[in-house]
Amino acid sequence: MLAILDYEAGNQTSVRRALDHLGIPCRITADPAVIADASGLIFPGVGAAGQAMRHLTATGLDALLAEQVAAEKPLLGICLGCQIILDYSPENDTKALGIIPGQCAMFNPALTDEDDQPIRIPHMGWNKVALAKECELFDGIDPASEFYFVHSYYPVPAREYVLGLTRYGLDFCSVHGRRGLWAVQFHPEKSGRPGLALLRNFAAYCQEA
């Protein structure tokens, strides 16, 4: 069973629906016992970094997440969850979880697209991911596949944790982490077949681990 972390940051229900569609047992929860018993943990989220971190800290879920990662529980961060597993976000001047070294940055409105037009912020739409390293999440997924993004900030992890890049005004990190600890800036649960394949790959890894 996969645990979808409930920390009042939205998006949990859409992740659960995607997993239900795949026939993967899952539960939205903040219960430490359920999280400890789960084969893997999905850390989704939309919204502001500061508000999310305040809730995580107030409920002790920040320490619980750190404990689960230290115990090598597989984890997949999505969107906001991808950002606040780093050390810091300038959004609300937020000290984040520090699970992976790095910080977030906001898109510069002076950046331009392929037509030399100013990019729109937030970044909303479909884009490809170019893998910088092998990543089991993308096994069997066509490299030409596109994934759905909605964000104004993007992760800037330590170089050794960069797994995939996406072009939007610049080449930003859209996938980071290491084996068993992954984070994606896009929404796999809203990315059609490629996104479902990624979630299936994560669940398969959790089962094997």
N, C-alpha and C. Protein backbone atom coordinates (compact mmCIF):
# COMPACT_ATOMS: atom_id res chain seq x y z
N MET A 1 0.84 -1.19 0.00
CA MET A 1 0.00 0.00 0.00
C MET A 1 0.88 1.25 0.00
N LEU A 2 0.52 2.24 -0.83
CA LEU A 2 1.22 3.51 -0.86
C LEU A 2 0.50 4.52 0.02
N ALA A 3 1.24 5.27 0.79
CA ALA A 3 0.67 6.33 1.61
C ALA A 3 0.85 7.66 0.89
N ILE A 4 -0.24 8.39 0.73
CA ILE A 4 -0.22 9.73 0.15
C ILE A 4 -0.29 10.71 1.32
N LEU A 5 0.77 11.47 1.52
CA LEU A 5 0.86 12.30 2.72
C LEU A 5 -0.19 13.40 2.71
N ASP A 6 -0.96 13.46 3.77
CA ASP A 6 -2.01 14.47 3.93
C ASP A 6 -1.49 15.58 4.82
N TYR A 7 -1.14 16.72 4.21
CA TYR A 7 -0.68 17.85 5.02
C TYR A 7 -1.37 19.15 4.58
N GLU A 8 -2.60 19.00 4.12
CA GLU A 8 -3.48 20.12 3.78
C GLU A 8 -2.86 21.02 2.72
N ALA A 9 -2.15 20.41 1.76
CA ALA A 9 -1.55 21.19 0.66
C ALA A 9 -2.18 20.84 -0.67
N GLY A 10 -3.35 20.22 -0.64
CA GLY A 10 -4.08 19.94 -1.88
C GLY A 10 -3.44 18.87 -2.73
N ASN A 11 -4.17 18.47 -3.77
CA ASN A 11 -3.67 17.56 -4.80
C ASN A 11 -3.65 16.08 -4.39
N GLN A 12 -3.91 15.78 -3.14
CA GLN A 12 -3.89 14.38 -2.72
C GLN A 12 -4.95 13.56 -3.42
N THR A 13 -6.15 14.13 -3.58
CA THR A 13 -7.25 13.37 -4.16
C THR A 13 -6.97 12.99 -5.61
N SER A 14 -6.38 13.89 -6.39
CA SER A 14 -6.10 13.56 -7.79
C SER A 14 -5.04 12.48 -7.88
N VAL A 15 -4.08 12.48 -6.96
CA VAL A 15 -3.08 11.41 -6.94
C VAL A 15 -3.74 10.08 -6.60
N ARG A 16 -4.63 10.10 -5.62
CA ARG A 16 -5.33 8.86 -5.25
C ARG A 16 -6.16 8.33 -6.41
N ARG A 17 -6.83 9.21 -7.13
CA ARG A 17 -7.64 8.76 -8.27
C ARG A 17 -6.78 8.11 -9.34
N ALA A 18 -5.59 8.67 -9.58
CA ALA A 18 -4.70 8.08 -10.57
C ALA A 18 -4.25 6.69 -10.13
N LEU A 19 -3.92 6.54 -8.85
CA LEU A 19 -3.50 5.24 -8.34
C LEU A 19 -4.66 4.25 -8.34
N ASP A 20 -5.86 4.72 -8.00
CA ASP A 20 -7.05 3.86 -8.07
C ASP A 20 -7.26 3.36 -9.49
N HIS A 21 -7.08 4.24 -10.45
CA HIS A 21 -7.23 3.87 -11.86
C HIS A 21 -6.25 2.76 -12.24
N LEU A 22 -5.06 2.80 -11.66
CA LEU A 22 -4.03 1.79 -11.94
C LEU A 22 -4.22 0.53 -11.11
N GLY A 23 -5.16 0.56 -10.18
CA GLY A 23 -5.36 -0.61 -9.30
C GLY A 23 -4.30 -0.74 -8.24
N ILE A 24 -3.66 0.37 -7.87
CA ILE A 24 -2.60 0.35 -6.87
C ILE A 24 -3.19 0.76 -5.52
N PRO A 25 -3.13 -0.10 -4.53
CA PRO A 25 -3.69 0.24 -3.21
C PRO A 25 -2.99 1.48 -2.63
N CYS A 26 -3.80 2.39 -2.10
CA CYS A 26 -3.23 3.62 -1.56
C CYS A 26 -4.17 4.20 -0.52
N ARG A 27 -3.64 5.14 0.26
CA ARG A 27 -4.45 5.79 1.30
C ARG A 27 -3.91 7.18 1.54
N ILE A 28 -4.79 8.17 1.59
CA ILE A 28 -4.41 9.52 1.99
C ILE A 28 -4.38 9.55 3.51
N THR A 29 -3.25 9.92 4.09
CA THR A 29 -3.12 9.78 5.54
C THR A 29 -2.05 10.70 6.11
N ALA A 30 -2.24 11.03 7.39
CA ALA A 30 -1.21 11.68 8.18
C ALA A 30 -0.90 10.84 9.42
N ASP A 31 -1.41 9.62 9.44
CA ASP A 31 -1.24 8.72 10.58
C ASP A 31 0.16 8.12 10.56
N PRO A 32 0.99 8.36 11.57
CA PRO A 32 2.35 7.84 11.56
C PRO A 32 2.43 6.32 11.41
N ALA A 33 1.48 5.61 12.03
CA ALA A 33 1.50 4.14 11.96
C ALA A 33 1.22 3.67 10.54
N VAL A 34 0.26 4.30 9.86
CA VAL A 34 -0.05 3.93 8.48
C VAL A 34 1.12 4.24 7.57
N ILE A 35 1.74 5.40 7.77
CA ILE A 35 2.89 5.80 6.96
C ILE A 35 4.05 4.83 7.17
N ALA A 36 4.28 4.43 8.41
CA ALA A 36 5.38 3.51 8.71
C ALA A 36 5.16 2.15 8.06
N ASP A 37 3.90 1.72 7.95
CA ASP A 37 3.59 0.40 7.39
C ASP A 37 3.53 0.41 5.86
N ALA A 38 3.45 1.58 5.26
CA ALA A 38 3.31 1.68 3.80
C ALA A 38 4.59 1.22 3.10
N SER A 39 4.42 0.72 1.89
CA SER A 39 5.59 0.29 1.10
C SER A 39 6.31 1.47 0.47
N GLY A 40 5.61 2.60 0.34
CA GLY A 40 6.19 3.80 -0.24
C GLY A 40 5.35 5.00 0.11
N LEU A 41 5.93 6.17 -0.05
CA LEU A 41 5.28 7.41 0.35
C LEU A 41 5.27 8.39 -0.81
N ILE A 42 4.09 8.95 -1.10
CA ILE A 42 3.97 10.00 -2.11
C ILE A 42 3.71 11.32 -1.39
N PHE A 43 4.54 12.31 -1.72
CA PHE A 43 4.52 13.62 -1.06
C PHE A 43 4.11 14.66 -2.08
N PRO A 44 2.78 14.82 -2.31
CA PRO A 44 2.31 15.75 -3.33
C PRO A 44 2.14 17.15 -2.74
N GLY A 45 1.51 18.03 -3.49
CA GLY A 45 1.20 19.34 -2.93
C GLY A 45 1.12 20.43 -3.97
N VAL A 46 0.23 21.38 -3.72
CA VAL A 46 0.15 22.62 -4.49
C VAL A 46 0.00 23.74 -3.46
N GLY A 47 0.34 24.96 -3.85
CA GLY A 47 0.20 26.07 -2.94
C GLY A 47 1.53 26.67 -2.56
N ALA A 48 1.55 27.36 -1.42
CA ALA A 48 2.72 28.13 -1.00
C ALA A 48 3.62 27.32 -0.06
N ALA A 49 4.91 27.51 -0.22
CA ALA A 49 5.88 26.77 0.57
C ALA A 49 5.76 27.08 2.06
N GLY A 50 5.59 28.36 2.40
CA GLY A 50 5.54 28.73 3.81
C GLY A 50 4.39 28.09 4.55
N GLN A 51 3.21 28.13 3.96
CA GLN A 51 2.04 27.54 4.60
C GLN A 51 2.21 26.03 4.76
N ALA A 52 2.74 25.38 3.73
CA ALA A 52 2.95 23.93 3.79
C ALA A 52 3.93 23.57 4.90
N MET A 53 5.03 24.30 5.01
CA MET A 53 6.02 23.99 6.03
C MET A 53 5.49 24.26 7.43
N ARG A 54 4.69 25.28 7.58
CA ARG A 54 4.10 25.54 8.91
C ARG A 54 3.25 24.37 9.36
N HIS A 55 2.47 23.81 8.45
CA HIS A 55 1.62 22.67 8.81
C HIS A 55 2.48 21.43 9.10
N LEU A 56 3.48 21.18 8.26
CA LEU A 56 4.34 20.02 8.48
C LEU A 56 5.04 20.10 9.84
N THR A 57 5.51 21.28 10.18
CA THR A 57 6.23 21.46 11.44
C THR A 57 5.29 21.36 12.63
N ALA A 58 4.11 21.96 12.52
CA ALA A 58 3.16 21.96 13.63
C ALA A 58 2.66 20.56 13.95
N THR A 59 2.56 19.72 12.95
CA THR A 59 2.02 18.37 13.14
C THR A 59 3.10 17.31 13.37
N GLY A 60 4.37 17.70 13.23
CA GLY A 60 5.45 16.73 13.38
C GLY A 60 5.70 15.89 12.14
N LEU A 61 4.98 16.20 11.07
CA LEU A 61 5.18 15.43 9.84
C LEU A 61 6.55 15.69 9.21
N ASP A 62 7.15 16.84 9.52
CA ASP A 62 8.50 17.10 9.01
C ASP A 62 9.49 16.08 9.55
N ALA A 63 9.44 15.83 10.86
CA ALA A 63 10.33 14.84 11.48
C ALA A 63 10.00 13.43 11.00
N LEU A 64 8.72 13.14 10.83
CA LEU A 64 8.31 11.82 10.36
C LEU A 64 8.85 11.55 8.96
N LEU A 65 8.77 12.55 8.09
CA LEU A 65 9.30 12.39 6.74
C LEU A 65 10.80 12.10 6.79
N ALA A 66 11.52 12.85 7.60
CA ALA A 66 12.97 12.64 7.72
C ALA A 66 13.28 11.24 8.21
N GLU A 67 12.49 10.77 9.18
CA GLU A 67 12.69 9.42 9.71
C GLU A 67 12.46 8.36 8.64
N GLN A 68 11.41 8.52 7.85
CA GLN A 68 11.09 7.54 6.82
C GLN A 68 12.16 7.51 5.73
N VAL A 69 12.65 8.67 5.35
CA VAL A 69 13.73 8.71 4.35
C VAL A 69 14.99 8.07 4.91
N ALA A 70 15.32 8.35 6.18
CA ALA A 70 16.50 7.76 6.81
C ALA A 70 16.38 6.24 6.88
N ALA A 71 15.15 5.75 6.99
CA ALA A 71 14.90 4.31 7.01
C ALA A 71 14.81 3.70 5.61
N GLU A 72 15.09 4.54 4.60
CA GLU A 72 15.09 4.13 3.19
C GLU A 72 13.71 3.75 2.67
N LYS A 73 12.67 4.38 3.21
CA LYS A 73 11.33 4.22 2.66
C LYS A 73 11.28 4.97 1.33
N PRO A 74 10.89 4.31 0.23
CA PRO A 74 10.80 5.01 -1.06
C PRO A 74 9.85 6.20 -0.98
N LEU A 75 10.24 7.30 -1.61
CA LEU A 75 9.44 8.52 -1.57
C LEU A 75 9.42 9.17 -2.94
N LEU A 76 8.26 9.68 -3.31
CA LEU A 76 8.09 10.45 -4.54
C LEU A 76 7.48 11.79 -4.20
N GLY A 77 8.24 12.87 -4.39
CA GLY A 77 7.73 14.22 -4.20
C GLY A 77 7.16 14.74 -5.51
N ILE A 78 6.05 15.44 -5.43
CA ILE A 78 5.37 15.98 -6.62
C ILE A 78 5.11 17.47 -6.42
N CYS A 79 5.50 18.28 -7.40
CA CYS A 79 5.25 19.71 -7.44
C CYS A 79 5.74 20.41 -6.18
N LEU A 80 4.85 20.90 -5.30
CA LEU A 80 5.32 21.54 -4.08
C LEU A 80 6.16 20.57 -3.24
N GLY A 81 5.76 19.31 -3.24
CA GLY A 81 6.55 18.30 -2.53
C GLY A 81 7.94 18.13 -3.10
N CYS A 82 8.09 18.40 -4.39
CA CYS A 82 9.39 18.37 -5.05
C CYS A 82 10.27 19.51 -4.57
N GLN A 83 9.66 20.64 -4.25
CA GLN A 83 10.40 21.84 -3.87
C GLN A 83 10.80 21.85 -2.40
N ILE A 84 9.87 21.48 -1.52
CA ILE A 84 10.15 21.67 -0.09
C ILE A 84 10.89 20.49 0.53
N ILE A 85 11.29 19.49 -0.26
CA ILE A 85 12.24 18.52 0.29
C ILE A 85 13.68 19.07 0.18
N LEU A 86 13.84 20.23 -0.46
CA LEU A 86 15.13 20.90 -0.50
C LEU A 86 15.34 21.71 0.80
N ASP A 87 16.43 22.47 0.85
CA ASP A 87 16.77 23.21 2.07
C ASP A 87 15.96 24.50 2.24
N TYR A 88 15.65 25.16 1.11
CA TYR A 88 15.12 26.51 1.23
C TYR A 88 14.31 26.88 0.00
N SER A 89 13.25 27.67 0.22
CA SER A 89 12.50 28.28 -0.87
C SER A 89 12.36 29.76 -0.61
N PRO A 90 12.64 30.62 -1.61
CA PRO A 90 12.43 32.05 -1.42
C PRO A 90 10.96 32.42 -1.33
N GLU A 91 10.07 31.50 -1.70
CA GLU A 91 8.64 31.75 -1.53
C GLU A 91 8.34 31.79 -0.03
N ASN A 92 7.91 32.95 0.46
CA ASN A 92 7.65 33.16 1.89
C ASN A 92 8.91 33.03 2.74
N ASP A 93 10.10 33.11 2.11
CA ASP A 93 11.37 33.00 2.83
C ASP A 93 11.36 31.77 3.73
N THR A 94 11.20 30.60 3.12
CA THR A 94 10.88 29.37 3.84
C THR A 94 12.07 28.44 4.01
N LYS A 95 12.38 28.13 5.26
CA LYS A 95 13.30 27.03 5.55
C LYS A 95 12.54 25.74 5.33
N ALA A 96 13.03 24.90 4.42
CA ALA A 96 12.29 23.70 4.03
C ALA A 96 12.85 22.47 4.75
N LEU A 97 12.55 21.29 4.22
CA LEU A 97 12.82 20.05 4.94
C LEU A 97 14.28 19.64 4.96
N GLY A 98 15.05 20.02 3.94
CA GLY A 98 16.46 19.69 3.93
C GLY A 98 16.77 18.22 3.72
N ILE A 99 15.87 17.51 3.05
CA ILE A 99 16.11 16.10 2.77
C ILE A 99 17.11 15.94 1.63
N ILE A 100 17.04 16.83 0.65
CA ILE A 100 18.00 16.88 -0.45
C ILE A 100 18.63 18.27 -0.46
N PRO A 101 19.95 18.37 -0.57
CA PRO A 101 20.57 19.70 -0.55
C PRO A 101 20.21 20.52 -1.77
N GLY A 102 19.88 21.79 -1.54
CA GLY A 102 19.53 22.67 -2.64
C GLY A 102 18.46 23.66 -2.22
N GLN A 103 18.02 24.46 -3.16
CA GLN A 103 16.98 25.44 -2.89
C GLN A 103 16.12 25.63 -4.13
N CYS A 104 15.12 26.48 -4.02
CA CYS A 104 14.26 26.78 -5.15
C CYS A 104 14.58 28.16 -5.71
N ALA A 105 14.17 28.39 -6.93
CA ALA A 105 14.32 29.70 -7.58
C ALA A 105 13.01 30.01 -8.30
N MET A 106 12.74 31.30 -8.47
CA MET A 106 11.56 31.71 -9.22
C MET A 106 11.95 32.03 -10.66
N PHE A 107 11.08 31.69 -11.59
CA PHE A 107 11.33 32.04 -12.97
C PHE A 107 11.49 33.56 -13.11
N ASN A 108 12.50 33.96 -13.86
CA ASN A 108 12.75 35.37 -14.12
C ASN A 108 11.84 35.82 -15.26
N PRO A 109 11.00 36.84 -15.07
CA PRO A 109 10.09 37.26 -16.14
C PRO A 109 10.82 37.81 -17.37
N ALA A 110 12.12 38.06 -17.25
CA ALA A 110 12.89 38.53 -18.40
C ALA A 110 13.27 37.40 -19.35
N LEU A 111 13.06 36.15 -18.92
CA LEU A 111 13.37 35.01 -19.78
C LEU A 111 12.43 34.98 -20.98
N THR A 112 12.90 34.43 -22.08
CA THR A 112 12.09 34.36 -23.30
C THR A 112 11.97 32.92 -23.78
N ASP A 113 10.91 32.67 -24.56
CA ASP A 113 10.69 31.34 -25.10
C ASP A 113 11.40 31.17 -26.44
N GLU A 114 11.09 30.07 -27.14
CA GLU A 114 11.76 29.78 -28.41
C GLU A 114 11.42 30.77 -29.50
N ASP A 115 10.33 31.52 -29.31
CA ASP A 115 9.96 32.57 -30.28
C ASP A 115 10.44 33.95 -29.84
N ASP A 116 11.30 33.96 -28.83
CA ASP A 116 11.87 35.19 -28.28
C ASP A 116 10.80 36.09 -27.65
N GLN A 117 9.74 35.46 -27.15
CA GLN A 117 8.69 36.18 -26.43
C GLN A 117 8.86 35.95 -24.93
N PRO A 118 8.50 36.91 -24.10
CA PRO A 118 8.62 36.72 -22.65
C PRO A 118 7.82 35.49 -22.19
N ILE A 119 8.40 34.71 -21.32
CA ILE A 119 7.68 33.56 -20.80
C ILE A 119 6.56 34.03 -19.88
N ARG A 120 5.55 33.19 -19.75
CA ARG A 120 4.46 33.47 -18.83
C ARG A 120 4.74 32.78 -17.50
N ILE A 121 4.43 33.49 -16.43
CA ILE A 121 4.60 32.93 -15.10
C ILE A 121 3.26 33.02 -14.38
N PRO A 122 2.74 31.91 -13.86
CA PRO A 122 3.40 30.62 -13.74
C PRO A 122 3.54 29.87 -15.06
N HIS A 123 4.49 28.95 -15.07
CA HIS A 123 4.64 28.02 -16.18
C HIS A 123 3.48 27.04 -16.12
N MET A 124 2.65 27.05 -17.14
CA MET A 124 1.51 26.13 -17.20
C MET A 124 1.47 25.48 -18.57
N GLY A 125 1.55 24.17 -18.60
CA GLY A 125 1.46 23.49 -19.88
C GLY A 125 2.28 22.22 -19.93
N TRP A 126 2.41 21.70 -21.15
CA TRP A 126 3.02 20.40 -21.38
C TRP A 126 4.44 20.58 -21.90
N ASN A 127 5.37 19.86 -21.29
CA ASN A 127 6.78 19.94 -21.68
C ASN A 127 7.46 18.59 -21.53
N LYS A 128 8.54 18.43 -22.28
CA LYS A 128 9.32 17.20 -22.22
C LYS A 128 10.31 17.24 -21.06
N VAL A 129 10.77 16.07 -20.70
CA VAL A 129 11.83 15.92 -19.70
C VAL A 129 13.00 15.21 -20.36
N ALA A 130 14.17 15.84 -20.35
CA ALA A 130 15.39 15.23 -20.88
C ALA A 130 16.18 14.68 -19.70
N LEU A 131 16.32 13.36 -19.66
CA LEU A 131 17.01 12.75 -18.53
C LEU A 131 18.51 13.05 -18.58
N ALA A 132 19.03 13.45 -17.43
CA ALA A 132 20.47 13.67 -17.29
C ALA A 132 21.17 12.42 -16.80
N LYS A 133 20.41 11.55 -16.13
CA LYS A 133 20.91 10.26 -15.64
C LYS A 133 19.80 9.24 -15.79
N GLU A 134 20.17 7.97 -15.72
CA GLU A 134 19.15 6.93 -15.72
C GLU A 134 18.25 7.09 -14.51
N CYS A 135 16.97 6.84 -14.72
CA CYS A 135 16.00 6.97 -13.63
C CYS A 135 14.90 5.94 -13.84
N GLU A 136 14.73 5.06 -12.87
CA GLU A 136 13.76 3.97 -12.99
C GLU A 136 12.32 4.47 -13.15
N LEU A 137 12.05 5.66 -12.69
CA LEU A 137 10.70 6.19 -12.85
C LEU A 137 10.30 6.27 -14.32
N PHE A 138 11.28 6.43 -15.21
CA PHE A 138 10.99 6.64 -16.63
C PHE A 138 11.17 5.38 -17.47
N ASP A 139 11.32 4.23 -16.82
CA ASP A 139 11.46 2.98 -17.57
C ASP A 139 10.24 2.76 -18.46
N GLY A 140 10.48 2.51 -19.74
CA GLY A 140 9.41 2.22 -20.69
C GLY A 140 8.64 3.44 -21.16
N ILE A 141 9.05 4.63 -20.75
CA ILE A 141 8.35 5.86 -21.16
C ILE A 141 9.10 6.48 -22.34
N ASP A 142 8.38 6.78 -23.41
CA ASP A 142 8.96 7.38 -24.60
C ASP A 142 9.64 8.71 -24.24
N PRO A 143 10.91 8.91 -24.61
CA PRO A 143 11.59 10.17 -24.30
C PRO A 143 10.89 11.40 -24.88
N ALA A 144 10.05 11.20 -25.90
CA ALA A 144 9.33 12.33 -26.49
C ALA A 144 8.06 12.69 -25.71
N SER A 145 7.75 11.94 -24.67
CA SER A 145 6.54 12.18 -23.89
C SER A 145 6.60 13.55 -23.21
N GLU A 146 5.41 14.14 -23.03
CA GLU A 146 5.31 15.42 -22.35
C GLU A 146 4.51 15.25 -21.06
N PHE A 147 4.84 16.10 -20.09
CA PHE A 147 4.21 16.05 -18.78
C PHE A 147 3.64 17.43 -18.44
N TYR A 148 2.66 17.44 -17.55
CA TYR A 148 1.93 18.68 -17.27
C TYR A 148 2.54 19.42 -16.08
N PHE A 149 2.88 20.69 -16.31
CA PHE A 149 3.50 21.55 -15.30
C PHE A 149 2.57 22.71 -14.92
N VAL A 150 2.59 23.07 -13.64
CA VAL A 150 1.95 24.30 -13.15
C VAL A 150 2.82 24.79 -11.99
N HIS A 151 3.64 25.82 -12.21
CA HIS A 151 4.52 26.28 -11.13
C HIS A 151 5.19 27.60 -11.50
N SER A 152 5.53 28.36 -10.46
CA SER A 152 6.28 29.60 -10.62
C SER A 152 7.72 29.47 -10.12
N TYR A 153 7.94 28.49 -9.24
CA TYR A 153 9.26 28.20 -8.70
C TYR A 153 9.72 26.85 -9.22
N TYR A 154 11.03 26.65 -9.25
CA TYR A 154 11.58 25.37 -9.70
C TYR A 154 12.74 24.97 -8.80
N PRO A 155 13.03 23.68 -8.70
CA PRO A 155 14.09 23.22 -7.80
C PRO A 155 15.48 23.44 -8.39
N VAL A 156 16.41 23.77 -7.51
CA VAL A 156 17.82 23.87 -7.88
C VAL A 156 18.61 23.03 -6.87
N PRO A 157 18.59 21.71 -7.04
CA PRO A 157 19.29 20.84 -6.10
C PRO A 157 20.79 20.85 -6.37
N ALA A 158 21.55 20.29 -5.45
CA ALA A 158 22.97 20.06 -5.70
C ALA A 158 23.12 19.25 -6.99
N ARG A 159 24.16 19.57 -7.74
CA ARG A 159 24.31 19.02 -9.10
C ARG A 159 24.18 17.50 -9.17
N GLU A 160 24.71 16.80 -8.17
CA GLU A 160 24.71 15.34 -8.23
C GLU A 160 23.31 14.75 -8.10
N TYR A 161 22.33 15.56 -7.72
CA TYR A 161 20.96 15.07 -7.58
C TYR A 161 20.08 15.39 -8.79
N VAL A 162 20.61 16.09 -9.77
CA VAL A 162 19.82 16.44 -10.95
C VAL A 162 19.64 15.20 -11.83
N LEU A 163 18.39 14.83 -12.07
CA LEU A 163 18.08 13.64 -12.87
C LEU A 163 17.46 13.98 -14.22
N GLY A 164 16.75 15.09 -14.31
CA GLY A 164 16.07 15.45 -15.56
C GLY A 164 15.92 16.95 -15.68
N LEU A 165 15.91 17.42 -16.94
CA LEU A 165 15.83 18.85 -17.23
C LEU A 165 14.67 19.13 -18.18
N THR A 166 14.10 20.30 -18.04
CA THR A 166 13.01 20.76 -18.91
C THR A 166 13.32 22.18 -19.36
N ARG A 167 12.98 22.50 -20.60
CA ARG A 167 13.25 23.82 -21.15
C ARG A 167 12.02 24.71 -21.01
N TYR A 168 12.17 25.82 -20.29
CA TYR A 168 11.14 26.86 -20.24
C TYR A 168 11.85 28.17 -19.92
N GLY A 169 12.30 28.85 -20.94
CA GLY A 169 13.09 30.06 -20.76
C GLY A 169 14.53 29.77 -20.41
N LEU A 170 14.74 28.66 -19.74
CA LEU A 170 16.06 28.12 -19.40
C LEU A 170 15.89 26.63 -19.17
N ASP A 171 16.99 25.92 -19.07
CA ASP A 171 16.93 24.50 -18.74
C ASP A 171 16.90 24.37 -17.22
N PHE A 172 15.73 24.06 -16.68
CA PHE A 172 15.62 23.93 -15.23
C PHE A 172 15.48 22.46 -14.84
N CYS A 173 15.84 22.16 -13.61
CA CYS A 173 15.73 20.79 -13.10
C CYS A 173 14.26 20.46 -12.86
N SER A 174 13.78 19.43 -13.52
CA SER A 174 12.38 19.02 -13.35
C SER A 174 12.25 17.66 -12.67
N VAL A 175 13.38 16.96 -12.51
CA VAL A 175 13.41 15.69 -11.77
C VAL A 175 14.71 15.67 -10.97
N HIS A 176 14.60 15.39 -9.68
CA HIS A 176 15.84 15.29 -8.90
C HIS A 176 15.72 14.21 -7.84
N GLY A 177 16.85 13.87 -7.25
CA GLY A 177 16.87 12.86 -6.21
C GLY A 177 17.93 11.81 -6.44
N ARG A 178 17.64 10.63 -5.94
CA ARG A 178 18.52 9.47 -6.08
C ARG A 178 17.62 8.24 -6.08
N ARG A 179 18.22 7.07 -6.23
CA ARG A 179 17.42 5.84 -6.30
C ARG A 179 16.58 5.68 -5.02
N GLY A 180 15.27 5.58 -5.21
CA GLY A 180 14.37 5.41 -4.09
C GLY A 180 13.90 6.69 -3.44
N LEU A 181 14.51 7.81 -3.83
CA LEU A 181 14.11 9.12 -3.32
C LEU A 181 14.04 10.07 -4.50
N TRP A 182 12.84 10.23 -5.06
CA TRP A 182 12.67 10.98 -6.29
C TRP A 182 11.72 12.15 -6.07
N ALA A 183 11.90 13.19 -6.89
CA ALA A 183 10.99 14.33 -6.86
C ALA A 183 10.82 14.86 -8.27
N VAL A 184 9.57 15.14 -8.64
CA VAL A 184 9.27 15.64 -9.99
C VAL A 184 8.50 16.95 -9.86
N GLN A 185 8.87 17.94 -10.68
CA GLN A 185 8.19 19.23 -10.63
C GLN A 185 6.82 19.19 -11.31
N PHE A 186 6.65 18.30 -12.27
CA PHE A 186 5.39 18.19 -12.98
C PHE A 186 4.39 17.34 -12.19
N HIS A 187 3.18 17.24 -12.73
CA HIS A 187 2.12 16.46 -12.10
C HIS A 187 1.91 15.16 -12.87
N PRO A 188 2.48 14.04 -12.43
CA PRO A 188 2.25 12.79 -13.16
C PRO A 188 0.79 12.38 -13.17
N GLU A 189 0.07 12.71 -12.11
CA GLU A 189 -1.34 12.31 -12.01
C GLU A 189 -2.22 13.08 -13.00
N LYS A 190 -1.68 14.12 -13.62
CA LYS A 190 -2.42 14.90 -14.61
C LYS A 190 -1.76 14.84 -15.98
N SER A 191 -0.85 13.89 -16.16
CA SER A 191 -0.03 13.84 -17.38
C SER A 191 -0.37 12.66 -18.30
N GLY A 192 -1.59 12.15 -18.19
CA GLY A 192 -2.02 11.10 -19.10
C GLY A 192 -1.21 9.83 -18.96
N ARG A 193 -1.06 9.11 -20.06
CA ARG A 193 -0.40 7.80 -20.01
C ARG A 193 1.03 7.86 -19.51
N PRO A 194 1.85 8.82 -19.94
CA PRO A 194 3.22 8.86 -19.42
C PRO A 194 3.26 9.05 -17.90
N GLY A 195 2.38 9.90 -17.39
CA GLY A 195 2.34 10.12 -15.95
C GLY A 195 1.88 8.89 -15.19
N LEU A 196 0.89 8.19 -15.74
CA LEU A 196 0.43 6.96 -15.11
C LEU A 196 1.53 5.90 -15.13
N ALA A 197 2.28 5.85 -16.22
CA ALA A 197 3.40 4.91 -16.31
C ALA A 197 4.44 5.21 -15.24
N LEU A 198 4.69 6.49 -15.01
CA LEU A 198 5.66 6.87 -13.98
C LEU A 198 5.18 6.43 -12.60
N LEU A 199 3.91 6.66 -12.30
CA LEU A 199 3.37 6.23 -11.01
C LEU A 199 3.41 4.71 -10.88
N ARG A 200 3.14 4.01 -11.97
CA ARG A 200 3.22 2.56 -11.95
C ARG A 200 4.65 2.09 -11.67
N ASN A 201 5.62 2.77 -12.28
CA ASN A 201 7.02 2.42 -12.05
C ASN A 201 7.41 2.66 -10.59
N PHE A 202 6.92 3.75 -10.02
CA PHE A 202 7.22 4.02 -8.61
C PHE A 202 6.63 2.93 -7.72
N ALA A 203 5.38 2.56 -7.97
CA ALA A 203 4.74 1.52 -7.17
C ALA A 203 5.47 0.20 -7.30
N ALA A 204 5.93 -0.13 -8.51
CA ALA A 204 6.66 -1.38 -8.71
C ALA A 204 7.97 -1.37 -7.95
N TYR A 205 8.66 -0.23 -7.94
CA TYR A 205 9.90 -0.11 -7.18
C TYR A 205 9.62 -0.33 -5.68
N CYS A 206 8.56 0.29 -5.18
CA CYS A 206 8.21 0.15 -3.77
C CYS A 206 7.94 -1.30 -3.41
N GLN A 207 7.26 -2.00 -4.28
CA GLN A 207 6.94 -3.41 -4.02
C GLN A 207 8.20 -4.25 -3.97
N GLU A 208 9.12 -3.99 -4.87
CA GLU A 208 10.37 -4.75 -4.91
C GLU A 208 11.26 -4.41 -3.72
N ALA A 209 11.27 -3.12 -3.34
CA ALA A 209 12.13 -2.68 -2.24
C ALA A 209 11.67 -3.24 -0.89
